[in-house]
Amino acid sequence: MDNNCCNKKTKRGDAEKKLIINRLNRINGQIKGITKMIEDDAYCNDVLVQLSAVKNSVKSLSSHILENHLYTCVTRDLENGDLDTLDELISLFKRFNQ
């Protein structure tokens, strides 16, 4: 499989970019909060709860981007006869299930 993902681009509309960036900023804020908790010697349980929240936020955003990828990039590539996209997609699903 030729992994040329770095040569591909995804055009996203302004609203989609804003949604993703807002969610990334929220995740970044969560991470900064956890850093502060560690600096302040927060109780392990409290830190772990916040880490779980970050994991769930990242997973949710990943699912959102994957869904959009299926409806846009994958659909476009398959319509254009690019079956290498199937290998790329299988690799993504394997990564998601680790």
PDB file of N, CA and C in Angstrom:
ATOM      1  N   MET A   1       0.845  -1.188   0.000  1.00  0.00           N
ATOM      2  CA  MET A   1       0.000   0.000   0.000  1.00  0.00           C
ATOM      3  C   MET A   1       0.885   1.245   0.000  1.00  0.00           C
ATOM      4  N   ASP A   2       0.606   2.159  -0.880  1.00  0.00           N
ATOM      5  CA  ASP A   2       1.324   3.425  -0.949  1.00  0.00           C
ATOM      6  C   ASP A   2       0.654   4.398   0.006  1.00  0.00           C
ATOM      7  N   ASN A   3       1.333   4.714   1.088  1.00  0.00           N
ATOM      8  CA  ASN A   3       0.735   5.612   2.080  1.00  0.00           C
ATOM      9  C   ASN A   3       1.115   7.047   1.752  1.00  0.00           C
ATOM     10  N   ASN A   4       0.297   7.692   0.931  1.00  0.00           N
ATOM     11  CA  ASN A   4       0.584   9.061   0.518  1.00  0.00           C
ATOM     12  C   ASN A   4      -0.298  10.061   1.240  1.00  0.00           C
ATOM     13  N   CYS A   5      -0.655   9.750   2.479  1.00  0.00           N
ATOM     14  CA  CYS A   5      -1.567  10.617   3.225  1.00  0.00           C
ATOM     15  C   CYS A   5      -1.017  12.028   3.386  1.00  0.00           C
ATOM     16  N   CYS A   6       0.292  12.141   3.434  1.00  0.00           N
ATOM     17  CA  CYS A   6       0.878  13.469   3.638  1.00  0.00           C
ATOM     18  C   CYS A   6       0.767  14.327   2.388  1.00  0.00           C
ATOM     19  N   ASN A   7       0.480  13.695   1.243  1.00  0.00           N
ATOM     20  CA  ASN A   7       0.331  14.440  -0.001  1.00  0.00           C
ATOM     21  C   ASN A   7      -1.120  14.809  -0.279  1.00  0.00           C
ATOM     22  N   LYS A   8      -2.032  14.239   0.479  1.00  0.00           N
ATOM     23  CA  LYS A   8      -3.446  14.522   0.294  1.00  0.00           C
ATOM     24  C   LYS A   8      -3.865  15.672   1.199  1.00  0.00           C
ATOM     25  N   LYS A   9      -4.931  16.320   0.818  1.00  0.00           N
ATOM     26  CA  LYS A   9      -5.502  17.384   1.642  1.00  0.00           C
ATOM     27  C   LYS A   9      -7.004  17.198   1.705  1.00  0.00           C
ATOM     28  N   THR A  10      -7.602  17.727   2.755  1.00  0.00           N
ATOM     29  CA  THR A  10      -9.051  17.710   2.910  1.00  0.00           C
ATOM     30  C   THR A  10      -9.537  19.142   2.997  1.00  0.00           C
ATOM     31  N   LYS A  11     -10.382  19.519   2.057  1.00  0.00           N
ATOM     32  CA  LYS A  11     -10.994  20.845   2.109  1.00  0.00           C
ATOM     33  C   LYS A  11     -12.158  20.793   3.084  1.00  0.00           C
ATOM     34  N   ARG A  12     -12.117  21.654   4.079  1.00  0.00           N
ATOM     35  CA  ARG A  12     -13.195  21.746   5.061  1.00  0.00           C
ATOM     36  C   ARG A  12     -13.789  23.138   4.982  1.00  0.00           C
ATOM     37  N   GLY A  13     -15.082  23.208   5.165  1.00  0.00           N
ATOM     38  CA  GLY A  13     -15.741  24.503   5.185  1.00  0.00           C
ATOM     39  C   GLY A  13     -15.400  25.259   6.458  1.00  0.00           C
ATOM     40  N   ASP A  14     -15.675  26.523   6.449  1.00  0.00           N
ATOM     41  CA  ASP A  14     -15.373  27.367   7.611  1.00  0.00           C
ATOM     42  C   ASP A  14     -16.068  26.886   8.879  1.00  0.00           C
ATOM     43  N   ALA A  15     -17.326  26.474   8.754  1.00  0.00           N
ATOM     44  CA  ALA A  15     -18.078  26.025   9.929  1.00  0.00           C
ATOM     45  C   ALA A  15     -17.458  24.750  10.502  1.00  0.00           C
ATOM     46  N   GLU A  16     -17.057  23.835   9.628  1.00  0.00           N
ATOM     47  CA  GLU A  16     -16.435  22.587  10.079  1.00  0.00           C
ATOM     48  C   GLU A  16     -15.094  22.852  10.745  1.00  0.00           C
ATOM     49  N   LYS A  17     -14.292  23.717  10.147  1.00  0.00           N
ATOM     50  CA  LYS A  17     -13.003  24.086  10.744  1.00  0.00           C
ATOM     51  C   LYS A  17     -13.220  24.697  12.126  1.00  0.00           C
ATOM     52  N   LYS A  18     -14.189  25.596  12.224  1.00  0.00           N
ATOM     53  CA  LYS A  18     -14.458  26.256  13.502  1.00  0.00           C
ATOM     54  C   LYS A  18     -14.867  25.238  14.555  1.00  0.00           C
ATOM     55  N   LEU A  19     -15.738  24.295  14.181  1.00  0.00           N
ATOM     56  CA  LEU A  19     -16.182  23.267  15.120  1.00  0.00           C
ATOM     57  C   LEU A  19     -14.994  22.440  15.621  1.00  0.00           C
ATOM     58  N   ILE A  20     -14.157  21.988  14.696  1.00  0.00           N
ATOM     59  CA  ILE A  20     -13.002  21.158  15.064  1.00  0.00           C
ATOM     60  C   ILE A  20     -12.020  21.946  15.919  1.00  0.00           C
ATOM     61  N   ILE A  21     -11.723  23.163  15.520  1.00  0.00           N
ATOM     62  CA  ILE A  21     -10.767  23.980  16.273  1.00  0.00           C
ATOM     63  C   ILE A  21     -11.303  24.287  17.663  1.00  0.00           C
ATOM     64  N   ASN A  22     -12.602  24.566  17.790  1.00  0.00           N
ATOM     65  CA  ASN A  22     -13.185  24.801  19.118  1.00  0.00           C
ATOM     66  C   ASN A  22     -13.036  23.572  20.010  1.00  0.00           C
ATOM     67  N   ARG A  23     -13.288  22.405  19.429  1.00  0.00           N
ATOM     68  CA  ARG A  23     -13.160  21.175  20.218  1.00  0.00           C
ATOM     69  C   ARG A  23     -11.700  20.917  20.589  1.00  0.00           C
ATOM     70  N   LEU A  24     -10.783  21.188  19.670  1.00  0.00           N
ATOM     71  CA  LEU A  24      -9.356  21.028  19.988  1.00  0.00           C
ATOM     72  C   LEU A  24      -8.919  22.008  21.073  1.00  0.00           C
ATOM     73  N   ASN A  25      -9.422  23.226  21.002  1.00  0.00           N
ATOM     74  CA  ASN A  25      -9.098  24.212  22.043  1.00  0.00           C
ATOM     75  C   ASN A  25      -9.631  23.774  23.398  1.00  0.00           C
ATOM     76  N   ARG A  26     -10.816  23.176  23.412  1.00  0.00           N
ATOM     77  CA  ARG A  26     -11.390  22.678  24.663  1.00  0.00           C
ATOM     78  C   ARG A  26     -10.514  21.550  25.219  1.00  0.00           C
ATOM     79  N   ILE A  27     -10.062  20.647  24.344  1.00  0.00           N
ATOM     80  CA  ILE A  27      -9.185  19.552  24.768  1.00  0.00           C
ATOM     81  C   ILE A  27      -7.872  20.115  25.290  1.00  0.00           C
ATOM     82  N   ASN A  28      -7.348  21.097  24.595  1.00  0.00           N
ATOM     83  CA  ASN A  28      -6.113  21.745  25.046  1.00  0.00           C
ATOM     84  C   ASN A  28      -6.299  22.359  26.429  1.00  0.00           C
ATOM     85  N   GLY A  29      -7.444  22.970  26.665  1.00  0.00           N
ATOM     86  CA  GLY A  29      -7.747  23.532  27.982  1.00  0.00           C
ATOM     87  C   GLY A  29      -7.812  22.448  29.050  1.00  0.00           C
ATOM     88  N   GLN A  30      -8.394  21.306  28.687  1.00  0.00           N
ATOM     89  CA  GLN A  30      -8.446  20.186  29.631  1.00  0.00           C
ATOM     90  C   GLN A  30      -7.028  19.721  29.995  1.00  0.00           C
ATOM     91  N   ILE A  31      -6.175  19.616  28.997  1.00  0.00           N
ATOM     92  CA  ILE A  31      -4.788  19.186  29.221  1.00  0.00           C
ATOM     93  C   ILE A  31      -4.065  20.190  30.129  1.00  0.00           C
ATOM     94  N   LYS A  32      -4.253  21.471  29.853  1.00  0.00           N
ATOM     95  CA  LYS A  32      -3.627  22.492  30.697  1.00  0.00           C
ATOM     96  C   LYS A  32      -4.137  22.394  32.134  1.00  0.00           C
ATOM     97  N   GLY A  33      -5.424  22.103  32.277  1.00  0.00           N
ATOM     98  CA  GLY A  33      -5.988  21.930  33.614  1.00  0.00           C
ATOM     99  C   GLY A  33      -5.353  20.748  34.343  1.00  0.00           C
ATOM    100  N   ILE A  34      -5.116  19.670  33.627  1.00  0.00           N
ATOM    101  CA  ILE A  34      -4.479  18.493  34.235  1.00  0.00           C
ATOM    102  C   ILE A  34      -3.043  18.816  34.617  1.00  0.00           C
ATOM    103  N   THR A  35      -2.353  19.559  33.772  1.00  0.00           N
ATOM    104  CA  THR A  35      -0.987  19.975  34.102  1.00  0.00           C
ATOM    105  C   THR A  35      -0.977  20.762  35.397  1.00  0.00           C
ATOM    106  N   LYS A  36      -1.940  21.672  35.524  1.00  0.00           N
ATOM    107  CA  LYS A  36      -2.040  22.480  36.749  1.00  0.00           C
ATOM    108  C   LYS A  36      -2.352  21.588  37.952  1.00  0.00           C
ATOM    109  N   MET A  37      -3.201  20.591  37.745  1.00  0.00           N
ATOM    110  CA  MET A  37      -3.520  19.670  38.835  1.00  0.00           C
ATOM    111  C   MET A  37      -2.262  18.955  39.329  1.00  0.00           C
ATOM    112  N   ILE A  38      -1.428  18.523  38.406  1.00  0.00           N
ATOM    113  CA  ILE A  38      -0.183  17.843  38.775  1.00  0.00           C
ATOM    114  C   ILE A  38       0.734  18.803  39.519  1.00  0.00           C
ATOM    115  N   GLU A  39       0.848  20.023  39.009  1.00  0.00           N
ATOM    116  CA  GLU A  39       1.688  21.029  39.682  1.00  0.00           C
ATOM    117  C   GLU A  39       1.191  21.306  41.093  1.00  0.00           C
ATOM    118  N   ASP A  40      -0.124  21.222  41.291  1.00  0.00           N
ATOM    119  CA  ASP A  40      -0.730  21.503  42.593  1.00  0.00           C
ATOM    120  C   ASP A  40      -0.903  20.248  43.455  1.00  0.00           C
ATOM    121  N   ASP A  41      -0.288  19.130  43.019  1.00  0.00           N
ATOM    122  CA  ASP A  41      -0.349  17.866  43.765  1.00  0.00           C
ATOM    123  C   ASP A  41      -1.776  17.365  43.982  1.00  0.00           C
ATOM    124  N   ALA A  42      -2.590  17.466  42.947  1.00  0.00           N
ATOM    125  CA  ALA A  42      -3.971  16.986  43.049  1.00  0.00           C
ATOM    126  C   ALA A  42      -3.993  15.480  43.291  1.00  0.00           C
ATOM    127  N   TYR A  43      -5.045  15.033  43.913  1.00  0.00           N
ATOM    128  CA  TYR A  43      -5.254  13.625  44.236  1.00  0.00           C
ATOM    129  C   TYR A  43      -5.308  12.805  42.941  1.00  0.00           C
ATOM    130  N   CYS A  44      -4.641  11.646  42.958  1.00  0.00           N
ATOM    131  CA  CYS A  44      -4.540  10.792  41.758  1.00  0.00           C
ATOM    132  C   CYS A  44      -5.898  10.505  41.133  1.00  0.00           C
ATOM    133  N   ASN A  45      -6.882  10.186  41.938  1.00  0.00           N
ATOM    134  CA  ASN A  45      -8.212   9.873  41.427  1.00  0.00           C
ATOM    135  C   ASN A  45      -8.779  11.038  40.620  1.00  0.00           C
ATOM    136  N   ASP A  46      -8.600  12.241  41.127  1.00  0.00           N
ATOM    137  CA  ASP A  46      -9.114  13.422  40.430  1.00  0.00           C
ATOM    138  C   ASP A  46      -8.416  13.619  39.085  1.00  0.00           C
ATOM    139  N   VAL A  47      -7.102  13.382  39.060  1.00  0.00           N
ATOM    140  CA  VAL A  47      -6.337  13.497  37.814  1.00  0.00           C
ATOM    141  C   VAL A  47      -6.813  12.447  36.815  1.00  0.00           C
ATOM    142  N   LEU A  48      -6.988  11.227  37.298  1.00  0.00           N
ATOM    143  CA  LEU A  48      -7.430  10.145  36.414  1.00  0.00           C
ATOM    144  C   LEU A  48      -8.813  10.407  35.829  1.00  0.00           C
ATOM    145  N   VAL A  49      -9.694  10.996  36.611  1.00  0.00           N
ATOM    146  CA  VAL A  49     -11.026  11.340  36.104  1.00  0.00           C
ATOM    147  C   VAL A  49     -10.901  12.356  34.968  1.00  0.00           C
ATOM    148  N   GLN A  50     -10.033  13.328  35.144  1.00  0.00           N
ATOM    149  CA  GLN A  50      -9.841  14.342  34.107  1.00  0.00           C
ATOM    150  C   GLN A  50      -9.166  13.750  32.864  1.00  0.00           C
ATOM    151  N   LEU A  51      -8.224  12.838  33.067  1.00  0.00           N
ATOM    152  CA  LEU A  51      -7.589  12.163  31.930  1.00  0.00           C
ATOM    153  C   LEU A  51      -8.615  11.343  31.143  1.00  0.00           C
ATOM    154  N   SER A  52      -9.524  10.716  31.844  1.00  0.00           N
ATOM    155  CA  SER A  52     -10.589   9.970  31.183  1.00  0.00           C
ATOM    156  C   SER A  52     -11.474  10.903  30.358  1.00  0.00           C
ATOM    157  N   ALA A  53     -11.745  12.077  30.893  1.00  0.00           N
ATOM    158  CA  ALA A  53     -12.555  13.063  30.169  1.00  0.00           C
ATOM    159  C   ALA A  53     -11.847  13.499  28.882  1.00  0.00           C
ATOM    160  N   VAL A  54     -10.528  13.689  28.961  1.00  0.00           N
ATOM    161  CA  VAL A  54      -9.762  14.065  27.774  1.00  0.00           C
ATOM    162  C   VAL A  54      -9.816  12.944  26.743  1.00  0.00           C
ATOM    163  N   LYS A  55      -9.625  11.709  27.213  1.00  0.00           N
ATOM    164  CA  LYS A  55      -9.663  10.558  26.304  1.00  0.00           C
ATOM    165  C   LYS A  55     -11.007  10.498  25.585  1.00  0.00           C
ATOM    166  N   ASN A  56     -12.081  10.710  26.327  1.00  0.00           N
ATOM    167  CA  ASN A  56     -13.411  10.683  25.719  1.00  0.00           C
ATOM    168  C   ASN A  56     -13.608  11.830  24.731  1.00  0.00           C
ATOM    169  N   SER A  57     -13.069  12.995  25.051  1.00  0.00           N
ATOM    170  CA  SER A  57     -13.169  14.143  24.145  1.00  0.00           C
ATOM    171  C   SER A  57     -12.421  13.877  22.843  1.00  0.00           C
ATOM    172  N   VAL A  58     -11.221  13.320  22.953  1.00  0.00           N
ATOM    173  CA  VAL A  58     -10.423  13.006  21.771  1.00  0.00           C
ATOM    174  C   VAL A  58     -11.115  11.923  20.938  1.00  0.00           C
ATOM    175  N   LYS A  59     -11.645  10.926  21.615  1.00  0.00           N
ATOM    176  CA  LYS A  59     -12.339   9.841  20.902  1.00  0.00           C
ATOM    177  C   LYS A  59     -13.563  10.387  20.164  1.00  0.00           C
ATOM    178  N   SER A  60     -14.309  11.246  20.797  1.00  0.00           N
ATOM    179  CA  SER A  60     -15.483  11.830  20.165  1.00  0.00           C
ATOM    180  C   SER A  60     -15.099  12.659  18.937  1.00  0.00           C
ATOM    181  N   LEU A  61     -14.060  13.469  19.061  1.00  0.00           N
ATOM    182  CA  LEU A  61     -13.605  14.277  17.934  1.00  0.00           C
ATOM    183  C   LEU A  61     -13.076  13.382  16.817  1.00  0.00           C
ATOM    184  N   SER A  62     -12.342  12.345  17.171  1.00  0.00           N
ATOM    185  CA  SER A  62     -11.840  11.403  16.169  1.00  0.00           C
ATOM    186  C   SER A  62     -12.990  10.763  15.407  1.00  0.00           C
ATOM    187  N   SER A  63     -14.030  10.367  16.111  1.00  0.00           N
ATOM    188  CA  SER A  63     -15.197   9.758  15.469  1.00  0.00           C
ATOM    189  C   SER A  63     -15.876  10.741  14.528  1.00  0.00           C
ATOM    190  N   HIS A  64     -15.963  11.986  14.939  1.00  0.00           N
ATOM    191  CA  HIS A  64     -16.563  13.019  14.097  1.00  0.00           C
ATOM    192  C   HIS A  64     -15.766  13.184  12.801  1.00  0.00           C
ATOM    193  N   ILE A  65     -14.447  13.267  12.927  1.00  0.00           N
ATOM    194  CA  ILE A  65     -13.597  13.452  11.750  1.00  0.00           C
ATOM    195  C   ILE A  65     -13.639  12.207  10.867  1.00  0.00           C
ATOM    196  N   LEU A  66     -13.654  11.024  11.477  1.00  0.00           N
ATOM    197  CA  LEU A  66     -13.747   9.794  10.698  1.00  0.00           C
ATOM    198  C   LEU A  66     -15.057   9.746   9.910  1.00  0.00           C
ATOM    199  N   GLU A  67     -16.149  10.103  10.553  1.00  0.00           N
ATOM    200  CA  GLU A  67     -17.443  10.101   9.863  1.00  0.00           C
ATOM    201  C   GLU A  67     -17.422  11.039   8.669  1.00  0.00           C
ATOM    202  N   ASN A  68     -16.892  12.235   8.869  1.00  0.00           N
ATOM    203  CA  ASN A  68     -16.785  13.183   7.754  1.00  0.00           C
ATOM    204  C   ASN A  68     -15.867  12.648   6.664  1.00  0.00           C
ATOM    205  N   HIS A  69     -14.795  11.973   7.063  1.00  0.00           N
ATOM    206  CA  HIS A  69     -13.848  11.389   6.108  1.00  0.00           C
ATOM    207  C   HIS A  69     -14.558  10.371   5.222  1.00  0.00           C
ATOM    208  N   LEU A  70     -15.405   9.543   5.838  1.00  0.00           N
ATOM    209  CA  LEU A  70     -16.136   8.538   5.075  1.00  0.00           C
ATOM    210  C   LEU A  70     -17.085   9.182   4.059  1.00  0.00           C
ATOM    211  N   TYR A  71     -17.786  10.222   4.496  1.00  0.00           N
ATOM    212  CA  TYR A  71     -18.761  10.867   3.617  1.00  0.00           C
ATOM    213  C   TYR A  71     -18.128  11.743   2.538  1.00  0.00           C
ATOM    214  N   THR A  72     -16.904  12.196   2.770  1.00  0.00           N
ATOM    215  CA  THR A  72     -16.289  13.117   1.807  1.00  0.00           C
ATOM    216  C   THR A  72     -15.134  12.441   1.069  1.00  0.00           C
ATOM    217  N   CYS A  73     -14.005  12.334   1.710  1.00  0.00           N
ATOM    218  CA  CYS A  73     -12.781  11.860   1.062  1.00  0.00           C
ATOM    219  C   CYS A  73     -12.914  10.444   0.509  1.00  0.00           C
ATOM    220  N   VAL A  74     -13.390   9.523   1.332  1.00  0.00           N
ATOM    221  CA  VAL A  74     -13.484   8.126   0.906  1.00  0.00           C
ATOM    222  C   VAL A  74     -14.483   7.986  -0.228  1.00  0.00           C
ATOM    223  N   THR A  75     -15.637   8.620  -0.086  1.00  0.00           N
ATOM    224  CA  THR A  75     -16.647   8.567  -1.143  1.00  0.00           C
ATOM    225  C   THR A  75     -16.083   9.115  -2.452  1.00  0.00           C
ATOM    226  N   ARG A  76     -15.426  10.259  -2.382  1.00  0.00           N
ATOM    227  CA  ARG A  76     -14.836  10.875  -3.575  1.00  0.00           C
ATOM    228  C   ARG A  76     -13.812   9.952  -4.219  1.00  0.00           C
ATOM    229  N   ASP A  77     -12.908   9.394  -3.394  1.00  0.00           N
ATOM    230  CA  ASP A  77     -11.854   8.534  -3.941  1.00  0.00           C
ATOM    231  C   ASP A  77     -12.432   7.281  -4.588  1.00  0.00           C
ATOM    232  N   LEU A  78     -13.411   6.672  -3.947  1.00  0.00           N
ATOM    233  CA  LEU A  78     -14.020   5.469  -4.524  1.00  0.00           C
ATOM    234  C   LEU A  78     -14.752   5.786  -5.825  1.00  0.00           C
ATOM    235  N   GLU A  79     -15.447   6.915  -5.852  1.00  0.00           N
ATOM    236  CA  GLU A  79     -16.128   7.321  -7.086  1.00  0.00           C
ATOM    237  C   GLU A  79     -15.129   7.551  -8.213  1.00  0.00           C
ATOM    238  N   ASN A  80     -13.902   7.945  -7.867  1.00  0.00           N
ATOM    239  CA  ASN A  80     -12.848   8.173  -8.859  1.00  0.00           C
ATOM    240  C   ASN A  80     -12.025   6.913  -9.121  1.00  0.00           C
ATOM    241  N   GLY A  81     -12.443   5.785  -8.534  1.00  0.00           N
ATOM    242  CA  GLY A  81     -11.755   4.519  -8.793  1.00  0.00           C
ATOM    243  C   GLY A  81     -10.477   4.307  -7.999  1.00  0.00           C
ATOM    244  N   ASP A  82     -10.236   5.120  -6.993  1.00  0.00           N
ATOM    245  CA  ASP A  82      -9.028   4.989  -6.171  1.00  0.00           C
ATOM    246  C   ASP A  82      -9.279   3.968  -5.069  1.00  0.00           C
ATOM    247  N   LEU A  83      -8.968   2.711  -5.354  1.00  0.00           N
ATOM    248  CA  LEU A  83      -9.221   1.643  -4.393  1.00  0.00           C
ATOM    249  C   LEU A  83      -8.156   1.578  -3.291  1.00  0.00           C
ATOM    250  N   ASP A  84      -7.034   2.301  -3.454  1.00  0.00           N
ATOM    251  CA  ASP A  84      -6.039   2.375  -2.381  1.00  0.00           C
ATOM    252  C   ASP A  84      -6.643   2.970  -1.114  1.00  0.00           C
ATOM    253  N   THR A  85      -7.685   3.747  -1.297  1.00  0.00           N
ATOM    254  CA  THR A  85      -8.379   4.348  -0.160  1.00  0.00           C
ATOM    255  C   THR A  85      -8.935   3.272   0.768  1.00  0.00           C
ATOM    256  N   LEU A  86      -9.307   2.137   0.218  1.00  0.00           N
ATOM    257  CA  LEU A  86      -9.809   1.041   1.060  1.00  0.00           C
ATOM    258  C   LEU A  86      -8.718   0.547   2.002  1.00  0.00           C
ATOM    259  N   ASP A  87      -7.489   0.419   1.499  1.00  0.00           N
ATOM    260  CA  ASP A  87      -6.370   0.015   2.359  1.00  0.00           C
ATOM    261  C   ASP A  87      -6.130   1.049   3.455  1.00  0.00           C
ATOM    262  N   GLU A  88      -6.214   2.309   3.076  1.00  0.00           N
ATOM    263  CA  GLU A  88      -6.055   3.397   4.044  1.00  0.00           C
ATOM    264  C   GLU A  88      -7.141   3.317   5.113  1.00  0.00           C
ATOM    265  N   LEU A  89      -8.358   3.052   4.683  1.00  0.00           N
ATOM    266  CA  LEU A  89      -9.492   2.972   5.598  1.00  0.00           C
ATOM    267  C   LEU A  89      -9.358   1.779   6.540  1.00  0.00           C
ATOM    268  N   ILE A  90      -8.942   0.639   6.015  1.00  0.00           N
ATOM    269  CA  ILE A  90      -8.720  -0.547   6.852  1.00  0.00           C
ATOM    270  C   ILE A  90      -7.662  -0.256   7.898  1.00  0.00           C
ATOM    271  N   SER A  91      -6.597   0.426   7.504  1.00  0.00           N
ATOM    272  CA  SER A  91      -5.535   0.806   8.452  1.00  0.00           C
ATOM    273  C   SER A  91      -6.085   1.723   9.550  1.00  0.00           C
ATOM    274  N   LEU A  92      -6.960   2.643   9.173  1.00  0.00           N
ATOM    275  CA  LEU A  92      -7.569   3.539  10.164  1.00  0.00           C
ATOM    276  C   LEU A  92      -8.407   2.763  11.166  1.00  0.00           C
ATOM    277  N   PHE A  93      -9.222   1.829  10.675  1.00  0.00           N
ATOM    278  CA  PHE A  93     -10.066   1.054  11.574  1.00  0.00           C
ATOM    279  C   PHE A  93      -9.223   0.191  12.513  1.00  0.00           C
ATOM    280  N   LYS A  94      -8.132  -0.355  12.009  1.00  0.00           N
ATOM    281  CA  LYS A  94      -7.242  -1.136  12.876  1.00  0.00           C
ATOM    282  C   LYS A  94      -6.660  -0.253  13.974  1.00  0.00           C
ATOM    283  N   ARG A  95      -6.279   0.946  13.609  1.00  0.00           N
ATOM    284  CA  ARG A  95      -5.724   1.893  14.582  1.00  0.00           C
ATOM    285  C   ARG A  95      -6.763   2.279  15.637  1.00  0.00           C
ATOM    286  N   PHE A  96      -8.009   2.470  15.204  1.00  0.00           N
ATOM    287  CA  PHE A  96      -9.091   2.839  16.116  1.00  0.00           C
ATOM    288  C   PHE A  96      -9.387   1.726  17.101  1.00  0.00           C
ATOM    289  N   ASN A  97      -9.172   0.490  16.702  1.00  0.00           N
ATOM    290  CA  ASN A  97      -9.525  -0.646  17.554  1.00  0.00           C
ATOM    291  C   ASN A  97      -8.385  -1.131  18.427  1.00  0.00           C
ATOM    292  N   GLN A  98      -7.320  -0.381  18.528  1.00  0.00           N
ATOM    293  CA  GLN A  98      -6.210  -0.780  19.390  1.00  0.00           C
ATOM    294  C   GLN A  98      -6.456  -0.355  20.809  1.00  0.00           C
TER     295      GLN A  98
END
